[in-house]
């Protein structure tokens, strides 16, 4: 089994299984044991070399991998907070010098009655 190929072939398809302890195993979709039908797994020995798929079982430590978290900030879209910081300041309506209270009613002053 060749792990690095230039073109995507059926040999490149693997099934990913996640265990309760967050370890991940990868089994080949194309290759299986001829007699038992057991899947072949990717495994790395103590020296860091790839093991033969028919020699690796899913219960062996050589087949267990811990996934590495990738930096997702490279792919995230900007949030509204980021956009607000980058945008120019907004123009606001000018207010008068008199204090304005929220929910206050404007008082109407009636003219004084004139005697006729």
PDB file of N, CA and C in Angstrom:
ATOM      1  N   UNK A   1       0.847  -1.166   0.000  1.00  0.00           N
ATOM      2  CA  UNK A   1       0.000   0.000   0.000  1.00  0.00           C
ATOM      3  C   UNK A   1       0.899   1.239   0.000  1.00  0.00           C
ATOM      4  N   UNK A   2       0.652   2.116  -0.924  1.00  0.00           N
ATOM      5  CA  UNK A   2       1.450   3.335  -1.031  1.00  0.00           C
ATOM      6  C   UNK A   2       0.649   4.484  -0.430  1.00  0.00           C
ATOM      7  N   UNK A   3       1.258   5.241   0.481  1.00  0.00           N
ATOM      8  CA  UNK A   3       0.516   6.278   1.186  1.00  0.00           C
ATOM      9  C   UNK A   3       0.525   7.625   0.485  1.00  0.00           C
ATOM     10  N   UNK A   4       1.549   7.919  -0.278  1.00  0.00           N
ATOM     11  CA  UNK A   4       1.585   9.213  -0.962  1.00  0.00           C
ATOM     12  C   UNK A   4       1.562   8.980  -2.463  1.00  0.00           C
ATOM     13  N   UNK A   5       0.450   9.376  -3.067  1.00  0.00           N
ATOM     14  CA  UNK A   5       0.292   9.217  -4.503  1.00  0.00           C
ATOM     15  C   UNK A   5      -0.022  10.569  -5.117  1.00  0.00           C
ATOM     16  N   UNK A   6       0.337  10.709  -6.384  1.00  0.00           N
ATOM     17  CA  UNK A   6       0.109  11.976  -7.068  1.00  0.00           C
ATOM     18  C   UNK A   6      -1.363  12.156  -7.422  1.00  0.00           C
ATOM     19  N   UNK A   7      -2.042  11.073  -7.788  1.00  0.00           N
ATOM     20  CA  UNK A   7      -3.444  11.139  -8.200  1.00  0.00           C
ATOM     21  C   UNK A   7      -4.306  10.381  -7.199  1.00  0.00           C
ATOM     22  N   UNK A   8      -5.547  10.832  -7.053  1.00  0.00           N
ATOM     23  CA  UNK A   8      -6.485  10.182  -6.142  1.00  0.00           C
ATOM     24  C   UNK A   8      -7.007   8.909  -6.794  1.00  0.00           C
ATOM     25  N   UNK A   9      -6.781   7.785  -6.131  1.00  0.00           N
ATOM     26  CA  UNK A   9      -7.223   6.481  -6.628  1.00  0.00           C
ATOM     27  C   UNK A   9      -8.052   5.807  -5.542  1.00  0.00           C
ATOM     28  N   UNK A  10      -8.692   4.670  -5.844  1.00  0.00           N
ATOM     29  CA  UNK A  10      -9.441   3.955  -4.801  1.00  0.00           C
ATOM     30  C   UNK A  10      -8.565   3.521  -3.621  1.00  0.00           C
ATOM     31  N   UNK A  11      -7.253   3.399  -3.839  1.00  0.00           N
ATOM     32  CA  UNK A  11      -6.356   3.051  -2.735  1.00  0.00           C
ATOM     33  C   UNK A  11      -6.248   4.180  -1.709  1.00  0.00           C
ATOM     34  N   UNK A  12      -6.647   5.369  -2.087  1.00  0.00           N
ATOM     35  CA  UNK A  12      -6.548   6.531  -1.195  1.00  0.00           C
ATOM     36  C   UNK A  12      -7.755   6.671  -0.277  1.00  0.00           C
ATOM     37  N   UNK A  13      -8.749   5.831  -0.429  1.00  0.00           N
ATOM     38  CA  UNK A  13      -9.966   5.942   0.382  1.00  0.00           C
ATOM     39  C   UNK A  13      -9.808   5.132   1.665  1.00  0.00           C
ATOM     40  N   UNK A  14     -10.066   5.813   2.792  1.00  0.00           N
ATOM     41  CA  UNK A  14      -9.971   5.168   4.096  1.00  0.00           C
ATOM     42  C   UNK A  14     -11.204   5.491   4.918  1.00  0.00           C
ATOM     43  N   UNK A  15     -11.539   4.580   5.798  1.00  0.00           N
ATOM     44  CA  UNK A  15     -12.640   4.784   6.728  1.00  0.00           C
ATOM     45  C   UNK A  15     -12.037   5.219   8.059  1.00  0.00           C
ATOM     46  N   UNK A  16     -12.538   6.313   8.600  1.00  0.00           N
ATOM     47  CA  UNK A  16     -12.019   6.845   9.862  1.00  0.00           C
ATOM     48  C   UNK A  16     -12.950   6.434  10.994  1.00  0.00           C
ATOM     49  N   UNK A  17     -12.401   5.845  12.046  1.00  0.00           N
ATOM     50  CA  UNK A  17     -13.175   5.467  13.229  1.00  0.00           C
ATOM     51  C   UNK A  17     -12.582   6.180  14.438  1.00  0.00           C
ATOM     52  N   UNK A  18     -13.448   6.800  15.238  1.00  0.00           N
ATOM     53  CA  UNK A  18     -13.007   7.515  16.436  1.00  0.00           C
ATOM     54  C   UNK A  18     -13.410   6.686  17.650  1.00  0.00           C
ATOM     55  N   UNK A  19     -12.447   6.402  18.517  1.00  0.00           N
ATOM     56  CA  UNK A  19     -12.712   5.639  19.729  1.00  0.00           C
ATOM     57  C   UNK A  19     -13.091   6.565  20.878  1.00  0.00           C
ATOM     58  N   UNK A  20     -13.534   5.978  21.989  1.00  0.00           N
ATOM     59  CA  UNK A  20     -13.953   6.759  23.154  1.00  0.00           C
ATOM     60  C   UNK A  20     -12.815   7.583  23.740  1.00  0.00           C
ATOM     61  N   UNK A  21     -11.591   7.105  23.603  1.00  0.00           N
ATOM     62  CA  UNK A  21     -10.440   7.829  24.153  1.00  0.00           C
ATOM     63  C   UNK A  21      -9.875   8.838  23.148  1.00  0.00           C
ATOM     64  N   UNK A  22     -10.652   9.158  22.108  1.00  0.00           N
ATOM     65  CA  UNK A  22     -10.329  10.143  21.071  1.00  0.00           C
ATOM     66  C   UNK A  22      -9.205   9.706  20.137  1.00  0.00           C
ATOM     67  N   UNK A  23      -8.796   8.463  20.212  1.00  0.00           N
ATOM     68  CA  UNK A  23      -7.851   7.951  19.229  1.00  0.00           C
ATOM     69  C   UNK A  23      -8.608   7.650  17.939  1.00  0.00           C
ATOM     70  N   UNK A  24      -7.916   7.762  16.821  1.00  0.00           N
ATOM     71  CA  UNK A  24      -8.533   7.563  15.512  1.00  0.00           C
ATOM     72  C   UNK A  24      -7.797   6.446  14.785  1.00  0.00           C
ATOM     73  N   UNK A  25      -8.548   5.580  14.108  1.00  0.00           N
ATOM     74  CA  UNK A  25      -7.954   4.555  13.255  1.00  0.00           C
ATOM     75  C   UNK A  25      -8.438   4.772  11.825  1.00  0.00           C
ATOM     76  N   UNK A  26      -7.603   4.381  10.879  1.00  0.00           N
ATOM     77  CA  UNK A  26      -7.934   4.506   9.459  1.00  0.00           C
ATOM     78  C   UNK A  26      -7.826   3.133   8.819  1.00  0.00           C
ATOM     79  N   UNK A  27      -8.945   2.642   8.272  1.00  0.00           N
ATOM     80  CA  UNK A  27      -8.940   1.339   7.608  1.00  0.00           C
ATOM     81  C   UNK A  27      -9.176   1.530   6.114  1.00  0.00           C
ATOM     82  N   UNK A  28      -8.556   0.683   5.331  1.00  0.00           N
ATOM     83  CA  UNK A  28      -8.668   0.754   3.879  1.00  0.00           C
ATOM     84  C   UNK A  28     -10.055   0.303   3.443  1.00  0.00           C
ATOM     85  N   UNK A  29     -10.629   1.033   2.508  1.00  0.00           N
ATOM     86  CA  UNK A  29     -11.918   0.627   1.954  1.00  0.00           C
ATOM     87  C   UNK A  29     -11.711  -0.427   0.866  1.00  0.00           C
ATOM     88  N   UNK A  30     -10.586  -0.371   0.197  1.00  0.00           N
ATOM     89  CA  UNK A  30     -10.317  -1.263  -0.928  1.00  0.00           C
ATOM     90  C   UNK A  30      -9.783  -2.630  -0.490  1.00  0.00           C
ATOM     91  N   UNK A  31      -8.881  -2.662   0.484  1.00  0.00           N
ATOM     92  CA  UNK A  31      -8.201  -3.904   0.849  1.00  0.00           C
ATOM     93  C   UNK A  31      -8.790  -4.526   2.111  1.00  0.00           C
ATOM     94  N   UNK A  32      -8.909  -5.878   2.084  1.00  0.00           N
ATOM     95  CA  UNK A  32      -9.379  -6.659   3.233  1.00  0.00           C
ATOM     96  C   UNK A  32      -8.640  -7.996   3.247  1.00  0.00           C
ATOM     97  N   UNK A  33      -8.678  -8.652   4.398  1.00  0.00           N
ATOM     98  CA  UNK A  33      -8.130 -10.008   4.486  1.00  0.00           C
ATOM     99  C   UNK A  33      -8.990 -10.932   3.617  1.00  0.00           C
ATOM    100  N   UNK A  34      -8.359 -11.820   2.881  1.00  0.00           N
ATOM    101  CA  UNK A  34      -9.115 -12.673   1.957  1.00  0.00           C
ATOM    102  C   UNK A  34      -9.983 -13.697   2.689  1.00  0.00           C
ATOM    103  N   UNK A  35      -9.484 -14.288   3.753  1.00  0.00           N
ATOM    104  CA  UNK A  35     -10.247 -15.333   4.431  1.00  0.00           C
ATOM    105  C   UNK A  35     -11.252 -14.769   5.433  1.00  0.00           C
ATOM    106  N   UNK A  36     -10.807 -13.867   6.283  1.00  0.00           N
ATOM    107  CA  UNK A  36     -11.687 -13.383   7.349  1.00  0.00           C
ATOM    108  C   UNK A  36     -12.486 -12.140   6.960  1.00  0.00           C
ATOM    109  N   UNK A  37     -12.021 -11.397   5.973  1.00  0.00           N
ATOM    110  CA  UNK A  37     -12.718 -10.173   5.588  1.00  0.00           C
ATOM    111  C   UNK A  37     -12.394  -8.991   6.484  1.00  0.00           C
ATOM    112  N   UNK A  38     -11.401  -9.170   7.388  1.00  0.00           N
ATOM    113  CA  UNK A  38     -11.004  -8.085   8.291  1.00  0.00           C
ATOM    114  C   UNK A  38     -10.325  -6.976   7.499  1.00  0.00           C
ATOM    115  N   UNK A  39     -10.616  -5.734   7.863  1.00  0.00           N
ATOM    116  CA  UNK A  39     -10.056  -4.584   7.145  1.00  0.00           C
ATOM    117  C   UNK A  39      -8.578  -4.412   7.456  1.00  0.00           C
ATOM    118  N   UNK A  40      -7.868  -3.805   6.529  1.00  0.00           N
ATOM    119  CA  UNK A  40      -6.466  -3.452   6.729  1.00  0.00           C
ATOM    120  C   UNK A  40      -6.409  -2.050   7.308  1.00  0.00           C
ATOM    121  N   UNK A  41      -5.534  -1.848   8.281  1.00  0.00           N
ATOM    122  CA  UNK A  41      -5.413  -0.559   8.961  1.00  0.00           C
ATOM    123  C   UNK A  41      -4.052   0.068   8.696  1.00  0.00           C
ATOM    124  N   UNK A  42      -4.012   1.383   8.755  1.00  0.00           N
ATOM    125  CA  UNK A  42      -2.735   2.095   8.675  1.00  0.00           C
ATOM    126  C   UNK A  42      -2.083   1.999  10.041  1.00  0.00           C
ATOM    127  N   UNK A  43      -0.811   1.660  10.077  1.00  0.00           N
ATOM    128  CA  UNK A  43      -0.085   1.559  11.333  1.00  0.00           C
ATOM    129  C   UNK A  43       1.350   2.021  11.184  1.00  0.00           C
ATOM    130  N   UNK A  44       1.897   2.544  12.273  1.00  0.00           N
ATOM    131  CA  UNK A  44       3.292   2.997  12.296  1.00  0.00           C
ATOM    132  C   UNK A  44       3.989   2.268  13.435  1.00  0.00           C
ATOM    133  N   UNK A  45       5.155   1.685  13.153  1.00  0.00           N
ATOM    134  CA  UNK A  45       5.883   0.954  14.192  1.00  0.00           C
ATOM    135  C   UNK A  45       6.686   1.912  15.081  1.00  0.00           C
ATOM    136  N   UNK A  46       7.448   1.366  15.998  1.00  0.00           N
ATOM    137  CA  UNK A  46       8.214   2.183  16.958  1.00  0.00           C
ATOM    138  C   UNK A  46       9.239   3.081  16.290  1.00  0.00           C
ATOM    139  N   UNK A  47       9.747   2.648  15.152  1.00  0.00           N
ATOM    140  CA  UNK A  47      10.760   3.427  14.434  1.00  0.00           C
ATOM    141  C   UNK A  47      10.152   4.493  13.532  1.00  0.00           C
ATOM    142  N   UNK A  48       8.827   4.565  13.479  1.00  0.00           N
ATOM    143  CA  UNK A  48       8.157   5.559  12.646  1.00  0.00           C
ATOM    144  C   UNK A  48       7.971   5.132  11.207  1.00  0.00           C
ATOM    145  N   UNK A  49       8.145   3.848  10.934  1.00  0.00           N
ATOM    146  CA  UNK A  49       7.979   3.355   9.568  1.00  0.00           C
ATOM    147  C   UNK A  49       6.593   2.737   9.414  1.00  0.00           C
ATOM    148  N   UNK A  50       6.069   2.804   8.202  1.00  0.00           N
ATOM    149  CA  UNK A  50       4.732   2.285   7.923  1.00  0.00           C
ATOM    150  C   UNK A  50       4.754   0.763   7.976  1.00  0.00           C
ATOM    151  N   UNK A  51       3.754   0.203   8.657  1.00  0.00           N
ATOM    152  CA  UNK A  51       3.628  -1.251   8.741  1.00  0.00           C
ATOM    153  C   UNK A  51       2.738  -1.756   7.611  1.00  0.00           C
ATOM    154  N   UNK A  52       2.853  -3.025   7.285  1.00  0.00           N
ATOM    155  CA  UNK A  52       1.990  -3.628   6.271  1.00  0.00           C
ATOM    156  C   UNK A  52       0.560  -3.675   6.809  1.00  0.00           C
ATOM    157  N   UNK A  53      -0.390  -3.351   5.932  1.00  0.00           N
ATOM    158  CA  UNK A  53      -1.787  -3.267   6.356  1.00  0.00           C
ATOM    159  C   UNK A  53      -2.359  -4.562   6.873  1.00  0.00           C
ATOM    160  N   UNK A  54      -1.908  -5.704   6.331  1.00  0.00           N
ATOM    161  CA  UNK A  54      -2.456  -6.978   6.783  1.00  0.00           C
ATOM    162  C   UNK A  54      -1.882  -7.413   8.129  1.00  0.00           C
ATOM    163  N   UNK A  55      -0.884  -6.694   8.649  1.00  0.00           N
ATOM    164  CA  UNK A  55      -0.278  -7.020   9.940  1.00  0.00           C
ATOM    165  C   UNK A  55      -0.817  -6.143  11.075  1.00  0.00           C
ATOM    166  N   UNK A  56      -1.582  -5.130  10.742  1.00  0.00           N
ATOM    167  CA  UNK A  56      -2.058  -4.172  11.748  1.00  0.00           C
ATOM    168  C   UNK A  56      -3.517  -4.471  12.073  1.00  0.00           C
ATOM    169  N   UNK A  57      -3.824  -4.534  13.363  1.00  0.00           N
ATOM    170  CA  UNK A  57      -5.204  -4.719  13.809  1.00  0.00           C
ATOM    171  C   UNK A  57      -5.670  -3.449  14.504  1.00  0.00           C
ATOM    172  N   UNK A  58      -6.980  -3.261  14.564  1.00  0.00           N
ATOM    173  CA  UNK A  58      -7.495  -2.014  15.139  1.00  0.00           C
ATOM    174  C   UNK A  58      -7.258  -1.914  16.637  1.00  0.00           C
ATOM    175  N   UNK A  59      -6.978  -3.025  17.300  1.00  0.00           N
ATOM    176  CA  UNK A  59      -6.738  -2.991  18.742  1.00  0.00           C
ATOM    177  C   UNK A  59      -5.287  -2.692  19.094  1.00  0.00           C
ATOM    178  N   UNK A  60      -4.395  -2.748  18.128  1.00  0.00           N
ATOM    179  CA  UNK A  60      -2.969  -2.496  18.375  1.00  0.00           C
ATOM    180  C   UNK A  60      -2.693  -1.005  18.478  1.00  0.00           C
ATOM    181  N   UNK A  61      -1.744  -0.655  19.291  1.00  0.00           N
ATOM    182  CA  UNK A  61      -1.365   0.747  19.466  1.00  0.00           C
ATOM    183  C   UNK A  61      -0.769   1.374  18.226  1.00  0.00           C
ATOM    184  N   UNK A  62      -0.227   0.544  17.334  1.00  0.00           N
ATOM    185  CA  UNK A  62       0.371   1.064  16.101  1.00  0.00           C
ATOM    186  C   UNK A  62      -0.671   1.686  15.181  1.00  0.00           C
ATOM    187  N   UNK A  63      -1.937   1.302  15.353  1.00  0.00           N
ATOM    188  CA  UNK A  63      -3.008   1.801  14.489  1.00  0.00           C
ATOM    189  C   UNK A  63      -3.726   3.007  15.081  1.00  0.00           C
ATOM    190  N   UNK A  64      -3.407   3.369  16.315  1.00  0.00           N
ATOM    191  CA  UNK A  64      -4.116   4.473  16.983  1.00  0.00           C
ATOM    192  C   UNK A  64      -3.372   5.785  16.774  1.00  0.00           C
ATOM    193  N   UNK A  65      -4.092   6.765  16.297  1.00  0.00           N
ATOM    194  CA  UNK A  65      -3.522   8.085  16.049  1.00  0.00           C
ATOM    195  C   UNK A  65      -4.322   9.128  16.809  1.00  0.00           C
ATOM    196  N   UNK A  66      -3.633  10.152  17.267  1.00  0.00           N
ATOM    197  CA  UNK A  66      -4.311  11.298  17.873  1.00  0.00           C
ATOM    198  C   UNK A  66      -4.395  12.400  16.823  1.00  0.00           C
ATOM    199  N   UNK A  67      -5.607  12.859  16.515  1.00  0.00           N
ATOM    200  CA  UNK A  67      -5.714  13.914  15.502  1.00  0.00           C
ATOM    201  C   UNK A  67      -5.139  15.226  16.011  1.00  0.00           C
ATOM    202  N   UNK A  68      -4.476  15.938  15.130  1.00  0.00           N
ATOM    203  CA  UNK A  68      -3.896  17.232  15.479  1.00  0.00           C
ATOM    204  C   UNK A  68      -4.869  18.320  15.061  1.00  0.00           C
ATOM    205  N   UNK A  69      -5.144  19.222  15.980  1.00  0.00           N
ATOM    206  CA  UNK A  69      -6.049  20.314  15.665  1.00  0.00           C
ATOM    207  C   UNK A  69      -5.355  21.299  14.745  1.00  0.00           C
ATOM    208  N   UNK A  70      -6.041  21.685  13.698  1.00  0.00           N
ATOM    209  CA  UNK A  70      -5.483  22.675  12.786  1.00  0.00           C
ATOM    210  C   UNK A  70      -6.047  24.040  13.128  1.00  0.00           C
ATOM    211  N   UNK A  71      -5.319  25.055  12.766  1.00  0.00           N
ATOM    212  CA  UNK A  71      -5.725  26.424  13.058  1.00  0.00           C
ATOM    213  C   UNK A  71      -6.925  26.769  12.186  1.00  0.00           C
ATOM    214  N   UNK A  72      -8.085  26.911  12.827  1.00  0.00           N
ATOM    215  CA  UNK A  72      -9.294  27.204  12.067  1.00  0.00           C
ATOM    216  C   UNK A  72      -9.457  28.692  11.817  1.00  0.00           C
ATOM    217  N   UNK A  73      -8.657  29.511  12.476  1.00  0.00           N
ATOM    218  CA  UNK A  73      -8.773  30.955  12.279  1.00  0.00           C
ATOM    219  C   UNK A  73      -8.387  31.348  10.859  1.00  0.00           C
ATOM    220  N   UNK A  74      -7.608  30.520  10.189  1.00  0.00           N
ATOM    221  CA  UNK A  74      -7.222  30.826   8.814  1.00  0.00           C
ATOM    222  C   UNK A  74      -8.432  30.785   7.888  1.00  0.00           C
ATOM    223  N   UNK A  75      -9.434  29.996   8.253  1.00  0.00           N
ATOM    224  CA  UNK A  75     -10.559  29.777   7.366  1.00  0.00           C
ATOM    225  C   UNK A  75     -11.852  30.415   7.855  1.00  0.00           C
ATOM    226  N   UNK A  76     -11.840  31.057   8.990  1.00  0.00           N
ATOM    227  CA  UNK A  76     -13.094  31.597   9.506  1.00  0.00           C
ATOM    228  C   UNK A  76     -13.419  32.924   8.846  1.00  0.00           C
ATOM    229  N   UNK A  77     -14.704  33.192   8.745  1.00  0.00           N
ATOM    230  CA  UNK A  77     -15.146  34.456   8.189  1.00  0.00           C
ATOM    231  C   UNK A  77     -15.105  35.505   9.291  1.00  0.00           C
ATOM    232  N   UNK A  78     -14.913  36.762   8.936  1.00  0.00           N
ATOM    233  CA  UNK A  78     -14.844  37.788   9.980  1.00  0.00           C
ATOM    234  C   UNK A  78     -16.191  37.941  10.682  1.00  0.00           C
ATOM    235  N   UNK A  79     -16.125  38.145  11.975  1.00  0.00           N
ATOM    236  CA  UNK A  79     -17.352  38.333  12.737  1.00  0.00           C
ATOM    237  C   UNK A  79     -17.796  39.786  12.625  1.00  0.00           C
ATOM    238  N   UNK A  80     -18.962  40.067  13.131  1.00  0.00           N
ATOM    239  CA  UNK A  80     -19.477  41.440  13.088  1.00  0.00           C
ATOM    240  C   UNK A  80     -18.612  42.372  13.918  1.00  0.00           C
ATOM    241  N   UNK A  81     -17.992  41.847  14.973  1.00  0.00           N
ATOM    242  CA  UNK A  81     -17.119  42.681  15.804  1.00  0.00           C
ATOM    243  C   UNK A  81     -15.884  43.108  15.017  1.00  0.00           C
ATOM    244  N   UNK A  82     -15.329  42.196  14.231  1.00  0.00           N
ATOM    245  CA  UNK A  82     -14.157  42.532  13.424  1.00  0.00           C
ATOM    246  C   UNK A  82     -14.504  43.549  12.348  1.00  0.00           C
ATOM    247  N   UNK A  83     -15.668  43.394  11.754  1.00  0.00           N
ATOM    248  CA  UNK A  83     -16.090  44.308  10.696  1.00  0.00           C
ATOM    249  C   UNK A  83     -16.328  45.698  11.269  1.00  0.00           C
ATOM    250  N   UNK A  84     -16.914  45.775  12.468  1.00  0.00           N
ATOM    251  CA  UNK A  84     -17.196  47.072  13.086  1.00  0.00           C
ATOM    252  C   UNK A  84     -15.907  47.813  13.418  1.00  0.00           C
ATOM    253  N   UNK A  85     -14.869  47.084  13.821  1.00  0.00           N
ATOM    254  CA  UNK A  85     -13.598  47.734  14.154  1.00  0.00           C
ATOM    255  C   UNK A  85     -12.905  48.272  12.909  1.00  0.00           C
ATOM    256  N   UNK A  86     -13.074  47.625  11.778  1.00  0.00           N
ATOM    257  CA  UNK A  86     -12.392  48.029  10.559  1.00  0.00           C
ATOM    258  C   UNK A  86     -13.149  49.102   9.786  1.00  0.00           C
ATOM    259  N   UNK A  87     -14.450  49.236  10.020  1.00  0.00           N
ATOM    260  CA  UNK A  87     -15.234  50.197   9.253  1.00  0.00           C
ATOM    261  C   UNK A  87     -14.993  51.609   9.779  1.00  0.00           C
ATOM    262  N   UNK A  88     -15.149  52.632   8.913  1.00  0.00           N
ATOM    263  CA  UNK A  88     -14.955  54.013   9.365  1.00  0.00           C
ATOM    264  C   UNK A  88     -16.072  54.416  10.319  1.00  0.00           C
ATOM    265  N   UNK A  89     -15.823  55.412  11.176  1.00  0.00           N
ATOM    266  CA  UNK A  89     -16.859  55.821  12.126  1.00  0.00           C
ATOM    267  C   UNK A  89     -18.075  56.376  11.394  1.00  0.00           C
ATOM    268  N   UNK A  90     -19.228  56.108  11.958  1.00  0.00           N
ATOM    269  CA  UNK A  90     -20.472  56.552  11.341  1.00  0.00           C
ATOM    270  C   UNK A  90     -20.747  58.008  11.693  1.00  0.00           C
ATOM    271  N   UNK A  91     -21.419  58.683  10.798  1.00  0.00           N
ATOM    272  CA  UNK A  91     -21.842  60.050  11.073  1.00  0.00           C
ATOM    273  C   UNK A  91     -23.130  59.981  11.876  1.00  0.00           C
ATOM    274  N   UNK A  92     -23.182  60.758  12.936  1.00  0.00           N
ATOM    275  CA  UNK A  92     -24.372  60.763  13.777  1.00  0.00           C
ATOM    276  C   UNK A  92     -25.104  62.072  13.599  1.00  0.00           C
ATOM    277  N   UNK A  93     -26.391  62.063  13.903  1.00  0.00           N
ATOM    278  CA  UNK A  93     -27.200  63.275  13.797  1.00  0.00           C
ATOM    279  C   UNK A  93     -26.805  64.228  14.909  1.00  0.00           C
ATOM    280  N   UNK A  94     -26.743  65.512  14.574  1.00  0.00           N
ATOM    281  CA  UNK A  94     -26.382  66.504  15.585  1.00  0.00           C
ATOM    282  C   UNK A  94     -27.566  66.734  16.502  1.00  0.00           C
ATOM    283  N   UNK A  95     -27.278  66.871  17.758  1.00  0.00           N
ATOM    284  CA  UNK A  95     -28.326  67.111  18.742  1.00  0.00           C
ATOM    285  C   UNK A  95     -28.167  68.512  19.292  1.00  0.00           C
ATOM    286  N   UNK A  96     -29.248  69.014  19.851  1.00  0.00           N
ATOM    287  CA  UNK A  96     -29.195  70.352  20.441  1.00  0.00           C
ATOM    288  C   UNK A  96     -28.511  70.281  21.791  1.00  0.00           C
ATOM    289  N   UNK A  97     -28.229  71.441  22.361  1.00  0.00           N
ATOM    290  CA  UNK A  97     -27.549  71.489  23.651  1.00  0.00           C
ATOM    291  C   UNK A  97     -28.465  71.125  24.804  1.00  0.00           C
ATOM    292  N   UNK A  98     -29.777  71.154  24.568  1.00  0.00           N
ATOM    293  CA  UNK A  98     -30.696  70.843  25.661  1.00  0.00           C
ATOM    294  C   UNK A  98     -30.680  69.346  25.917  1.00  0.00           C
ATOM    295  N   UNK A  99     -30.762  68.983  27.185  1.00  0.00           N
ATOM    296  CA  UNK A  99     -30.744  67.553  27.510  1.00  0.00           C
ATOM    297  C   UNK A  99     -32.021  66.875  27.027  1.00  0.00           C
ATOM    298  N   UNK A 100     -31.860  65.696  26.524  1.00  0.00           N
ATOM    299  CA  UNK A 100     -33.008  64.932  26.047  1.00  0.00           C
ATOM    300  C   UNK A 100     -33.126  63.706  26.937  1.00  0.00           C
ATOM    301  N   UNK A 101     -34.312  63.518  27.446  1.00  0.00           N
ATOM    302  CA  UNK A 101     -34.562  62.364  28.298  1.00  0.00           C
ATOM    303  C   UNK A 101     -35.352  61.344  27.503  1.00  0.00           C
ATOM    304  N   UNK A 102     -35.027  60.122  27.738  1.00  0.00           N
ATOM    305  CA  UNK A 102     -35.714  59.054  27.048  1.00  0.00           C
ATOM    306  C   UNK A 102     -37.142  58.977  27.559  1.00  0.00           C
ATOM    307  N   UNK A 103     -38.072  58.745  26.690  1.00  0.00           N
ATOM    308  CA  UNK A 103     -39.487  58.612  27.010  1.00  0.00           C
ATOM    309  C   UNK A 103     -40.077  59.870  27.642  1.00  0.00           C
ATOM    310  N   UNK A 104     -39.491  61.009  27.421  1.00  0.00           N
ATOM    311  CA  UNK A 104     -40.070  62.238  27.977  1.00  0.00           C
ATOM    312  C   UNK A 104     -40.931  62.889  26.909  1.00  0.00           C
ATOM    313  N   UNK A 105     -42.016  63.471  27.356  1.00  0.00           N
ATOM    314  CA  UNK A 105     -42.926  64.132  26.433  1.00  0.00           C
ATOM    315  C   UNK A 105     -42.541  65.594  26.337  1.00  0.00           C
ATOM    316  N   UNK A 106     -42.691  66.139  25.161  1.00  0.00           N
ATOM    317  CA  UNK A 106     -42.379  67.547  24.961  1.00  0.00           C
ATOM    318  C   UNK A 106     -43.550  68.367  25.496  1.00  0.00           C
ATOM    319  N   UNK A 107     -43.228  69.352  26.306  1.00  0.00           N
ATOM    320  CA  UNK A 107     -44.284  70.183  26.888  1.00  0.00           C
ATOM    321  C   UNK A 107     -44.653  71.270  25.900  1.00  0.00           C
ATOM    322  N   UNK A 108     -45.953  71.453  25.735  1.00  0.00           N
ATOM    323  CA  UNK A 108     -46.444  72.512  24.865  1.00  0.00           C
ATOM    324  C   UNK A 108     -46.818  73.698  25.736  1.00  0.00           C
ATOM    325  N   UNK A 109     -46.316  74.845  25.397  1.00  0.00           N
ATOM    326  CA  UNK A 109     -46.637  76.064  26.142  1.00  0.00           C
ATOM    327  C   UNK A 109     -47.698  76.812  25.346  1.00  0.00           C
ATOM    328  N   UNK A 110     -48.833  77.011  26.011  1.00  0.00           N
ATOM    329  CA  UNK A 110     -49.924  77.727  25.360  1.00  0.00           C
ATOM    330  C   UNK A 110     -49.731  79.226  25.570  1.00  0.00           C
ATOM    331  N   UNK A 111     -50.053  80.032  24.570  1.00  0.00           N
ATOM    332  CA  UNK A 111     -49.933  81.478  24.768  1.00  0.00           C
ATOM    333  C   UNK A 111     -50.953  81.966  25.797  1.00  0.00           C
ATOM    334  N   UNK A 112     -50.607  83.032  26.490  1.00  0.00           N
ATOM    335  CA  UNK A 112     -51.495  83.589  27.521  1.00  0.00           C
ATOM    336  C   UNK A 112     -52.748  84.141  26.846  1.00  0.00           C
ATOM    337  N   UNK A 113     -53.896  83.920  27.470  1.00  0.00           N
ATOM    338  CA  UNK A 113     -55.144  84.427  26.866  1.00  0.00           C
ATOM    339  C   UNK A 113     -55.168  85.963  26.904  1.00  0.00           C
ATOM    340  N   UNK A 114     -55.670  86.545  25.869  1.00  0.00           N
ATOM    341  CA  UNK A 114     -55.767  88.006  25.809  1.00  0.00           C
ATOM    342  C   UNK A 114     -57.198  88.430  26.084  1.00  0.00           C
ATOM    343  N   UNK A 115     -57.341  89.563  26.748  1.00  0.00           N
ATOM    344  CA  UNK A 115     -58.672  90.066  27.083  1.00  0.00           C
ATOM    345  C   UNK A 115     -59.206  90.836  25.887  1.00  0.00           C
ATOM    346  N   UNK A 116     -60.435  90.561  25.553  1.00  0.00           N
ATOM    347  CA  UNK A 116     -61.010  91.329  24.462  1.00  0.00           C
ATOM    348  C   UNK A 116     -62.213  92.101  24.882  1.00  0.00           C
TER     349      UNK A 116
END
